[in-house]
Amino acid sequence: MPRRTPTVTRDQVAPEHQAAYDEITAIRGRPPTVGPTSVMINSPEMAVRANRLSEYLGEQSTLSEKVRRLAGLIGARSMDCQFVWNAHCAAGRRAGLGDDLVDALRDKKPLPVLSLEDAAVVNYGMELTSNNQVSQDTFQAAIGVLGAQGLTEFTTFMGYYRMLALNANAFTIDLPDDMTEPVLPV
Protein backbone atom coordinates (compact mmCIF):
# COMPACT_ATOMS: atom_id res chain seq x y z
CA MET A 1 0.00 0.00 0.00
CA PRO A 2 1.47 3.41 -0.87
CA ARG A 3 2.24 5.96 1.79
CA ARG A 4 -0.87 7.92 2.67
CA THR A 5 0.65 11.40 2.94
CA PRO A 6 3.56 13.00 1.13
CA THR A 7 6.86 13.55 2.89
CA VAL A 8 7.12 17.09 4.22
CA THR A 9 10.19 19.10 3.28
CA ARG A 10 11.52 22.14 5.10
CA ASP A 11 10.12 24.42 2.36
CA GLN A 12 6.62 23.09 3.04
CA VAL A 13 6.73 23.74 6.78
CA ALA A 14 5.15 26.99 7.94
CA PRO A 15 7.81 29.59 8.83
CA GLU A 16 6.90 29.46 12.52
CA HIS A 17 7.68 25.71 12.54
CA GLN A 18 10.92 25.73 10.55
CA ALA A 19 13.00 25.94 13.74
CA ALA A 20 11.30 22.74 14.92
CA TYR A 21 12.03 21.10 11.56
CA ASP A 22 15.66 22.17 11.90
CA GLU A 23 15.84 20.77 15.44
CA ILE A 24 14.50 17.42 14.25
CA THR A 25 17.11 17.42 11.50
CA ALA A 26 19.84 18.16 14.07
CA ILE A 27 18.64 15.46 16.50
CA ARG A 28 18.32 12.85 13.75
CA GLY A 29 21.38 13.93 11.81
CA ARG A 30 19.30 14.13 8.62
CA PRO A 31 16.04 15.65 7.42
CA PRO A 32 12.97 13.68 8.53
CA THR A 33 12.24 12.10 5.16
CA VAL A 34 12.07 8.43 6.19
CA GLY A 35 10.57 6.49 9.05
CA PRO A 36 7.95 7.48 11.59
CA THR A 37 9.53 10.90 12.13
CA SER A 38 8.74 11.68 8.49
CA VAL A 39 5.07 11.34 9.45
CA MET A 40 5.31 13.02 12.83
CA ILE A 41 6.87 16.13 11.22
CA ASN A 42 3.34 16.93 10.07
CA SER A 43 3.10 18.31 13.62
CA PRO A 44 6.60 19.83 13.99
CA GLU A 45 6.39 20.82 17.66
CA MET A 46 5.06 17.41 18.64
CA ALA A 47 7.81 15.76 16.60
CA VAL A 48 10.45 17.78 18.45
CA ARG A 49 9.15 16.67 21.81
CA ALA A 50 8.96 13.02 20.74
CA ASN A 51 12.48 13.19 19.36
CA ARG A 52 13.77 14.73 22.58
CA LEU A 53 12.46 11.65 24.37
CA SER A 54 14.14 9.47 21.77
CA GLU A 55 17.37 11.38 22.26
CA TYR A 56 17.23 10.83 26.04
CA LEU A 57 16.38 7.15 25.70
CA GLY A 58 19.14 6.58 23.16
CA GLU A 59 21.90 8.57 24.86
CA GLN A 60 21.20 8.73 28.58
CA SER A 61 19.22 5.61 29.42
CA THR A 62 20.69 3.32 32.07
CA LEU A 63 19.69 0.28 30.01
CA SER A 64 22.11 -1.78 27.96
CA GLU A 65 21.86 -1.75 24.19
CA LYS A 66 20.56 -5.33 24.33
CA VAL A 67 17.68 -4.40 26.64
CA ARG A 68 16.85 -1.25 24.65
CA ARG A 69 16.67 -3.26 21.42
CA LEU A 70 14.54 -5.88 23.15
CA ALA A 71 12.09 -3.13 24.12
CA GLY A 72 12.00 -2.00 20.48
CA LEU A 73 11.35 -5.51 19.20
CA ILE A 74 8.63 -6.25 21.75
CA GLY A 75 6.99 -2.89 21.03
CA ALA A 76 7.21 -3.37 17.26
CA ARG A 77 5.96 -6.95 17.31
CA SER A 78 3.07 -6.08 19.61
CA MET A 79 1.92 -3.63 16.93
CA ASP A 80 2.86 -5.86 13.95
CA CYS A 81 4.96 -2.96 12.70
CA GLN A 82 7.20 -3.98 9.85
CA PHE A 83 9.17 -0.73 9.79
CA VAL A 84 10.09 -0.56 13.49
CA TRP A 85 10.78 -4.32 13.60
CA ASN A 86 13.18 -4.07 10.69
CA ALA A 87 14.84 -0.99 12.18
CA HIS A 88 15.75 -2.84 15.40
CA CYS A 89 16.08 -6.50 14.54
CA ALA A 90 19.63 -6.72 13.17
CA ALA A 91 20.89 -4.27 15.81
CA GLY A 92 19.23 -6.39 18.49
CA ARG A 93 21.01 -9.48 17.23
CA ARG A 94 24.33 -7.58 17.22
CA ALA A 95 23.63 -6.36 20.77
CA GLY A 96 23.35 -9.93 22.00
CA LEU A 97 19.75 -10.97 21.54
CA GLY A 98 19.84 -14.60 20.48
CA ASP A 99 18.52 -15.63 17.10
CA ASP A 100 16.22 -18.12 18.83
CA LEU A 101 14.62 -15.32 20.90
CA VAL A 102 14.31 -12.89 17.99
CA ASP A 103 12.85 -15.59 15.74
CA ALA A 104 10.36 -16.66 18.45
CA LEU A 105 9.22 -13.06 18.90
CA ARG A 106 8.93 -12.61 15.13
CA ASP A 107 6.97 -15.82 14.60
CA LYS A 108 4.92 -15.53 17.82
CA LYS A 109 6.19 -18.94 18.89
CA PRO A 110 7.01 -20.18 22.39
CA LEU A 111 10.09 -18.47 23.80
CA PRO A 112 13.35 -20.37 24.07
CA VAL A 113 14.89 -21.15 27.43
CA LEU A 114 16.23 -17.84 28.78
CA SER A 115 18.30 -16.87 31.79
CA LEU A 116 16.18 -15.87 34.79
CA GLU A 117 17.12 -12.22 34.22
CA ASP A 118 16.28 -12.23 30.51
CA ALA A 119 13.06 -14.17 31.12
CA ALA A 120 11.92 -11.63 33.72
CA VAL A 121 12.37 -8.73 31.29
CA VAL A 122 10.91 -10.52 28.26
CA ASN A 123 7.92 -11.81 30.23
CA TYR A 124 7.26 -8.32 31.59
CA GLY A 125 7.34 -6.81 28.10
CA MET A 126 5.19 -9.51 26.56
CA GLU A 127 2.63 -9.45 29.36
CA LEU A 128 2.37 -5.66 29.38
CA THR A 129 1.99 -5.33 25.62
CA SER A 130 -0.50 -8.21 25.48
CA ASN A 131 -2.66 -7.31 28.49
CA ASN A 132 -1.90 -3.61 29.05
CA GLN A 133 -0.96 -4.48 32.61
CA VAL A 134 1.26 -6.94 34.48
CA SER A 135 0.78 -9.21 37.43
CA GLN A 136 2.54 -8.47 40.70
CA ASP A 137 4.82 -11.50 40.24
CA THR A 138 5.85 -10.40 36.75
CA PHE A 139 6.44 -6.86 37.96
CA GLN A 140 8.53 -7.99 40.94
CA ALA A 141 10.70 -10.21 38.77
CA ALA A 142 11.36 -7.42 36.26
CA ILE A 143 12.03 -4.71 38.84
CA GLY A 144 14.37 -7.12 40.57
CA VAL A 145 16.44 -7.29 37.38
CA LEU A 146 16.22 -3.70 36.11
CA GLY A 147 15.48 -1.64 39.24
CA ALA A 148 12.87 1.10 39.34
CA GLN A 149 14.66 3.47 36.95
CA GLY A 150 15.54 0.72 34.50
CA LEU A 151 12.04 -0.73 34.49
CA THR A 152 10.56 2.72 33.99
CA GLU A 153 12.88 3.30 31.05
CA PHE A 154 12.17 -0.15 29.58
CA THR A 155 8.42 0.49 29.82
CA THR A 156 8.83 3.92 28.25
CA PHE A 157 11.00 2.48 25.46
CA MET A 158 8.26 0.00 24.59
CA GLY A 159 5.66 2.77 24.66
CA TYR A 160 7.83 5.01 22.50
CA TYR A 161 8.28 2.29 19.89
CA ARG A 162 4.57 1.53 19.97
CA MET A 163 3.89 5.23 19.30
CA LEU A 164 6.25 5.09 16.32
CA ALA A 165 4.57 1.89 15.16
CA LEU A 166 1.15 3.54 15.26
CA ASN A 167 2.40 6.29 12.94
CA ALA A 168 4.27 3.87 10.66
CA ASN A 169 1.26 1.56 10.37
CA ALA A 170 -1.38 4.28 9.98
CA PHE A 171 0.52 6.22 7.33
CA THR A 172 1.90 3.05 5.65
CA ILE A 173 5.58 3.96 5.71
CA ASP A 174 7.59 2.04 3.15
CA LEU A 175 10.15 -0.48 4.27
CA PRO A 176 13.71 0.38 3.32
CA ASP A 177 15.25 -1.19 0.24
CA ASP A 178 18.09 -2.57 2.38
CA MET A 179 15.89 -4.64 4.69
CA THR A 180 17.88 -7.00 6.85
CA GLU A 181 15.03 -9.20 8.08
CA PRO A 182 12.15 -11.08 6.53
CA VAL A 183 8.76 -9.40 6.63
CA LEU A 184 6.81 -10.12 9.82
CA PRO A 185 4.18 -12.81 9.44
CA VAL A 186 0.92 -11.04 10.30
C-alpha atoms as a PDB file:
ATOM      1  CA  MET A   1       0.000   0.000   0.000  1.00  0.00           C
ATOM      2  CA  PRO A   2       1.467   3.406  -0.873  1.00  0.00           C
ATOM      3  CA  ARG A   3       2.244   5.960   1.789  1.00  0.00           C
ATOM      4  CA  ARG A   4      -0.875   7.923   2.665  1.00  0.00           C
ATOM      5  CA  THR A   5       0.651  11.396   2.938  1.00  0.00           C
ATOM      6  CA  PRO A   6       3.558  12.996   1.126  1.00  0.00           C
ATOM      7  CA  THR A   7       6.857  13.552   2.887  1.00  0.00           C
ATOM      8  CA  VAL A   8       7.120  17.093   4.219  1.00  0.00           C
ATOM      9  CA  THR A   9      10.194  19.098   3.277  1.00  0.00           C
ATOM     10  CA  ARG A  10      11.520  22.144   5.105  1.00  0.00           C
ATOM     11  CA  ASP A  11      10.123  24.421   2.363  1.00  0.00           C
ATOM     12  CA  GLN A  12       6.625  23.088   3.039  1.00  0.00           C
ATOM     13  CA  VAL A  13       6.731  23.742   6.780  1.00  0.00           C
ATOM     14  CA  ALA A  14       5.151  26.990   7.940  1.00  0.00           C
ATOM     15  CA  PRO A  15       7.811  29.587   8.830  1.00  0.00           C
ATOM     16  CA  GLU A  16       6.896  29.460  12.519  1.00  0.00           C
ATOM     17  CA  HIS A  17       7.679  25.707  12.537  1.00  0.00           C
ATOM     18  CA  GLN A  18      10.922  25.727  10.548  1.00  0.00           C
ATOM     19  CA  ALA A  19      13.001  25.940  13.739  1.00  0.00           C
ATOM     20  CA  ALA A  20      11.297  22.743  14.923  1.00  0.00           C
ATOM     21  CA  TYR A  21      12.031  21.100  11.561  1.00  0.00           C
ATOM     22  CA  ASP A  22      15.664  22.168  11.898  1.00  0.00           C
ATOM     23  CA  GLU A  23      15.844  20.770  15.436  1.00  0.00           C
ATOM     24  CA  ILE A  24      14.503  17.419  14.253  1.00  0.00           C
ATOM     25  CA  THR A  25      17.107  17.420  11.504  1.00  0.00           C
ATOM     26  CA  ALA A  26      19.839  18.156  14.066  1.00  0.00           C
ATOM     27  CA  ILE A  27      18.641  15.460  16.496  1.00  0.00           C
ATOM     28  CA  ARG A  28      18.325  12.847  13.753  1.00  0.00           C
ATOM     29  CA  GLY A  29      21.375  13.926  11.808  1.00  0.00           C
ATOM     30  CA  ARG A  30      19.301  14.127   8.622  1.00  0.00           C
ATOM     31  CA  PRO A  31      16.036  15.652   7.415  1.00  0.00           C
ATOM     32  CA  PRO A  32      12.966  13.678   8.531  1.00  0.00           C
ATOM     33  CA  THR A  33      12.237  12.102   5.161  1.00  0.00           C
ATOM     34  CA  VAL A  34      12.066   8.429   6.188  1.00  0.00           C
ATOM     35  CA  GLY A  35      10.571   6.488   9.051  1.00  0.00           C
ATOM     36  CA  PRO A  36       7.947   7.484  11.592  1.00  0.00           C
ATOM     37  CA  THR A  37       9.531  10.903  12.129  1.00  0.00           C
ATOM     38  CA  SER A  38       8.744  11.678   8.492  1.00  0.00           C
ATOM     39  CA  VAL A  39       5.074  11.336   9.455  1.00  0.00           C
ATOM     40  CA  MET A  40       5.312  13.023  12.829  1.00  0.00           C
ATOM     41  CA  ILE A  41       6.874  16.126  11.225  1.00  0.00           C
ATOM     42  CA  ASN A  42       3.340  16.930  10.065  1.00  0.00           C
ATOM     43  CA  SER A  43       3.101  18.308  13.619  1.00  0.00           C
ATOM     44  CA  PRO A  44       6.596  19.827  13.988  1.00  0.00           C
ATOM     45  CA  GLU A  45       6.391  20.821  17.659  1.00  0.00           C
ATOM     46  CA  MET A  46       5.061  17.413  18.639  1.00  0.00           C
ATOM     47  CA  ALA A  47       7.806  15.757  16.597  1.00  0.00           C
ATOM     48  CA  VAL A  48      10.452  17.784  18.448  1.00  0.00           C
ATOM     49  CA  ARG A  49       9.145  16.668  21.809  1.00  0.00           C
ATOM     50  CA  ALA A  50       8.958  13.025  20.738  1.00  0.00           C
ATOM     51  CA  ASN A  51      12.481  13.195  19.356  1.00  0.00           C
ATOM     52  CA  ARG A  52      13.772  14.731  22.577  1.00  0.00           C
ATOM     53  CA  LEU A  53      12.459  11.655  24.369  1.00  0.00           C
ATOM     54  CA  SER A  54      14.139   9.468  21.769  1.00  0.00           C
ATOM     55  CA  GLU A  55      17.374  11.380  22.258  1.00  0.00           C
ATOM     56  CA  TYR A  56      17.232  10.829  26.037  1.00  0.00           C
ATOM     57  CA  LEU A  57      16.385   7.149  25.703  1.00  0.00           C
ATOM     58  CA  GLY A  58      19.140   6.582  23.165  1.00  0.00           C
ATOM     59  CA  GLU A  59      21.902   8.569  24.859  1.00  0.00           C
ATOM     60  CA  GLN A  60      21.199   8.733  28.578  1.00  0.00           C
ATOM     61  CA  SER A  61      19.222   5.614  29.424  1.00  0.00           C
ATOM     62  CA  THR A  62      20.685   3.324  32.067  1.00  0.00           C
ATOM     63  CA  LEU A  63      19.692   0.283  30.008  1.00  0.00           C
ATOM     64  CA  SER A  64      22.109  -1.784  27.958  1.00  0.00           C
ATOM     65  CA  GLU A  65      21.860  -1.752  24.186  1.00  0.00           C
ATOM     66  CA  LYS A  66      20.564  -5.328  24.333  1.00  0.00           C
ATOM     67  CA  VAL A  67      17.675  -4.402  26.642  1.00  0.00           C
ATOM     68  CA  ARG A  68      16.848  -1.247  24.655  1.00  0.00           C
ATOM     69  CA  ARG A  69      16.668  -3.256  21.422  1.00  0.00           C
ATOM     70  CA  LEU A  70      14.540  -5.878  23.153  1.00  0.00           C
ATOM     71  CA  ALA A  71      12.086  -3.128  24.118  1.00  0.00           C
ATOM     72  CA  GLY A  72      12.004  -2.001  20.479  1.00  0.00           C
ATOM     73  CA  LEU A  73      11.351  -5.508  19.204  1.00  0.00           C
ATOM     74  CA  ILE A  74       8.632  -6.250  21.746  1.00  0.00           C
ATOM     75  CA  GLY A  75       6.990  -2.894  21.032  1.00  0.00           C
ATOM     76  CA  ALA A  76       7.211  -3.371  17.261  1.00  0.00           C
ATOM     77  CA  ARG A  77       5.957  -6.946  17.310  1.00  0.00           C
ATOM     78  CA  SER A  78       3.069  -6.075  19.610  1.00  0.00           C
ATOM     79  CA  MET A  79       1.919  -3.627  16.927  1.00  0.00           C
ATOM     80  CA  ASP A  80       2.858  -5.858  13.950  1.00  0.00           C
ATOM     81  CA  CYS A  81       4.960  -2.961  12.697  1.00  0.00           C
ATOM     82  CA  GLN A  82       7.200  -3.982   9.850  1.00  0.00           C
ATOM     83  CA  PHE A  83       9.172  -0.732   9.794  1.00  0.00           C
ATOM     84  CA  VAL A  84      10.088  -0.562  13.492  1.00  0.00           C
ATOM     85  CA  TRP A  85      10.777  -4.316  13.604  1.00  0.00           C
ATOM     86  CA  ASN A  86      13.183  -4.069  10.688  1.00  0.00           C
ATOM     87  CA  ALA A  87      14.841  -0.989  12.184  1.00  0.00           C
ATOM     88  CA  HIS A  88      15.750  -2.836  15.403  1.00  0.00           C
ATOM     89  CA  CYS A  89      16.077  -6.500  14.539  1.00  0.00           C
ATOM     90  CA  ALA A  90      19.629  -6.716  13.171  1.00  0.00           C
ATOM     91  CA  ALA A  91      20.886  -4.268  15.808  1.00  0.00           C
ATOM     92  CA  GLY A  92      19.226  -6.393  18.488  1.00  0.00           C
ATOM     93  CA  ARG A  93      21.013  -9.479  17.227  1.00  0.00           C
ATOM     94  CA  ARG A  94      24.330  -7.579  17.215  1.00  0.00           C
ATOM     95  CA  ALA A  95      23.633  -6.362  20.773  1.00  0.00           C
ATOM     96  CA  GLY A  96      23.353  -9.932  21.999  1.00  0.00           C
ATOM     97  CA  LEU A  97      19.745 -10.975  21.542  1.00  0.00           C
ATOM     98  CA  GLY A  98      19.840 -14.600  20.483  1.00  0.00           C
ATOM     99  CA  ASP A  99      18.519 -15.633  17.102  1.00  0.00           C
ATOM    100  CA  ASP A 100      16.216 -18.116  18.830  1.00  0.00           C
ATOM    101  CA  LEU A 101      14.616 -15.324  20.904  1.00  0.00           C
ATOM    102  CA  VAL A 102      14.314 -12.892  17.988  1.00  0.00           C
ATOM    103  CA  ASP A 103      12.848 -15.586  15.741  1.00  0.00           C
ATOM    104  CA  ALA A 104      10.360 -16.661  18.446  1.00  0.00           C
ATOM    105  CA  LEU A 105       9.216 -13.058  18.901  1.00  0.00           C
ATOM    106  CA  ARG A 106       8.927 -12.606  15.135  1.00  0.00           C
ATOM    107  CA  ASP A 107       6.973 -15.819  14.604  1.00  0.00           C
ATOM    108  CA  LYS A 108       4.917 -15.525  17.823  1.00  0.00           C
ATOM    109  CA  LYS A 109       6.190 -18.940  18.892  1.00  0.00           C
ATOM    110  CA  PRO A 110       7.014 -20.176  22.391  1.00  0.00           C
ATOM    111  CA  LEU A 111      10.089 -18.471  23.800  1.00  0.00           C
ATOM    112  CA  PRO A 112      13.352 -20.366  24.068  1.00  0.00           C
ATOM    113  CA  VAL A 113      14.892 -21.152  27.431  1.00  0.00           C
ATOM    114  CA  LEU A 114      16.228 -17.844  28.783  1.00  0.00           C
ATOM    115  CA  SER A 115      18.297 -16.874  31.791  1.00  0.00           C
ATOM    116  CA  LEU A 116      16.179 -15.874  34.791  1.00  0.00           C
ATOM    117  CA  GLU A 117      17.122 -12.222  34.217  1.00  0.00           C
ATOM    118  CA  ASP A 118      16.285 -12.233  30.505  1.00  0.00           C
ATOM    119  CA  ALA A 119      13.059 -14.166  31.119  1.00  0.00           C
ATOM    120  CA  ALA A 120      11.922 -11.628  33.723  1.00  0.00           C
ATOM    121  CA  VAL A 121      12.366  -8.732  31.290  1.00  0.00           C
ATOM    122  CA  VAL A 122      10.907 -10.523  28.262  1.00  0.00           C
ATOM    123  CA  ASN A 123       7.916 -11.811  30.232  1.00  0.00           C
ATOM    124  CA  TYR A 124       7.259  -8.324  31.594  1.00  0.00           C
ATOM    125  CA  GLY A 125       7.336  -6.805  28.104  1.00  0.00           C
ATOM    126  CA  MET A 126       5.192  -9.509  26.558  1.00  0.00           C
ATOM    127  CA  GLU A 127       2.627  -9.450  29.359  1.00  0.00           C
ATOM    128  CA  LEU A 128       2.375  -5.659  29.383  1.00  0.00           C
ATOM    129  CA  THR A 129       1.989  -5.328  25.620  1.00  0.00           C
ATOM    130  CA  SER A 130      -0.499  -8.207  25.479  1.00  0.00           C
ATOM    131  CA  ASN A 131      -2.655  -7.306  28.488  1.00  0.00           C
ATOM    132  CA  ASN A 132      -1.903  -3.606  29.046  1.00  0.00           C
ATOM    133  CA  GLN A 133      -0.956  -4.480  32.612  1.00  0.00           C
ATOM    134  CA  VAL A 134       1.262  -6.938  34.483  1.00  0.00           C
ATOM    135  CA  SER A 135       0.777  -9.211  37.433  1.00  0.00           C
ATOM    136  CA  GLN A 136       2.543  -8.472  40.700  1.00  0.00           C
ATOM    137  CA  ASP A 137       4.824 -11.501  40.244  1.00  0.00           C
ATOM    138  CA  THR A 138       5.855 -10.403  36.753  1.00  0.00           C
ATOM    139  CA  PHE A 139       6.436  -6.858  37.962  1.00  0.00           C
ATOM    140  CA  GLN A 140       8.531  -7.987  40.939  1.00  0.00           C
ATOM    141  CA  ALA A 141      10.701 -10.211  38.773  1.00  0.00           C
ATOM    142  CA  ALA A 142      11.355  -7.420  36.259  1.00  0.00           C
ATOM    143  CA  ILE A 143      12.026  -4.709  38.838  1.00  0.00           C
ATOM    144  CA  GLY A 144      14.371  -7.124  40.572  1.00  0.00           C
ATOM    145  CA  VAL A 145      16.440  -7.285  37.378  1.00  0.00           C
ATOM    146  CA  LEU A 146      16.219  -3.696  36.114  1.00  0.00           C
ATOM    147  CA  GLY A 147      15.484  -1.642  39.240  1.00  0.00           C
ATOM    148  CA  ALA A 148      12.872   1.096  39.340  1.00  0.00           C
ATOM    149  CA  GLN A 149      14.661   3.474  36.953  1.00  0.00           C
ATOM    150  CA  GLY A 150      15.538   0.718  34.499  1.00  0.00           C
ATOM    151  CA  LEU A 151      12.042  -0.733  34.486  1.00  0.00           C
ATOM    152  CA  THR A 152      10.556   2.724  33.994  1.00  0.00           C
ATOM    153  CA  GLU A 153      12.882   3.299  31.048  1.00  0.00           C
ATOM    154  CA  PHE A 154      12.166  -0.155  29.583  1.00  0.00           C
ATOM    155  CA  THR A 155       8.424   0.490  29.824  1.00  0.00           C
ATOM    156  CA  THR A 156       8.833   3.922  28.246  1.00  0.00           C
ATOM    157  CA  PHE A 157      10.999   2.482  25.459  1.00  0.00           C
ATOM    158  CA  MET A 158       8.261   0.004  24.589  1.00  0.00           C
ATOM    159  CA  GLY A 159       5.661   2.771  24.664  1.00  0.00           C
ATOM    160  CA  TYR A 160       7.833   5.009  22.498  1.00  0.00           C
ATOM    161  CA  TYR A 161       8.276   2.291  19.885  1.00  0.00           C
ATOM    162  CA  ARG A 162       4.567   1.528  19.974  1.00  0.00           C
ATOM    163  CA  MET A 163       3.892   5.226  19.300  1.00  0.00           C
ATOM    164  CA  LEU A 164       6.254   5.095  16.322  1.00  0.00           C
ATOM    165  CA  ALA A 165       4.574   1.894  15.162  1.00  0.00           C
ATOM    166  CA  LEU A 166       1.153   3.542  15.255  1.00  0.00           C
ATOM    167  CA  ASN A 167       2.402   6.286  12.944  1.00  0.00           C
ATOM    168  CA  ALA A 168       4.266   3.868  10.659  1.00  0.00           C
ATOM    169  CA  ASN A 169       1.264   1.560  10.367  1.00  0.00           C
ATOM    170  CA  ALA A 170      -1.375   4.275   9.978  1.00  0.00           C
ATOM    171  CA  PHE A 171       0.518   6.223   7.330  1.00  0.00           C
ATOM    172  CA  THR A 172       1.901   3.055   5.647  1.00  0.00           C
ATOM    173  CA  ILE A 173       5.581   3.962   5.713  1.00  0.00           C
ATOM    174  CA  ASP A 174       7.590   2.036   3.145  1.00  0.00           C
ATOM    175  CA  LEU A 175      10.145  -0.484   4.268  1.00  0.00           C
ATOM    176  CA  PRO A 176      13.712   0.381   3.320  1.00  0.00           C
ATOM    177  CA  ASP A 177      15.249  -1.190   0.241  1.00  0.00           C
ATOM    178  CA  ASP A 178      18.089  -2.573   2.377  1.00  0.00           C
ATOM    179  CA  MET A 179      15.891  -4.644   4.692  1.00  0.00           C
ATOM    180  CA  THR A 180      17.883  -7.003   6.849  1.00  0.00           C
ATOM    181  CA  GLU A 181      15.033  -9.201   8.078  1.00  0.00           C
ATOM    182  CA  PRO A 182      12.148 -11.080   6.534  1.00  0.00           C
ATOM    183  CA  VAL A 183       8.757  -9.405   6.627  1.00  0.00           C
ATOM    184  CA  LEU A 184       6.813 -10.119   9.818  1.00  0.00           C
ATOM    185  CA  PRO A 185       4.177 -12.807   9.438  1.00  0.00           C
ATOM    186  CA  VAL A 186       0.923 -11.043  10.302  1.00  0.00           C
END
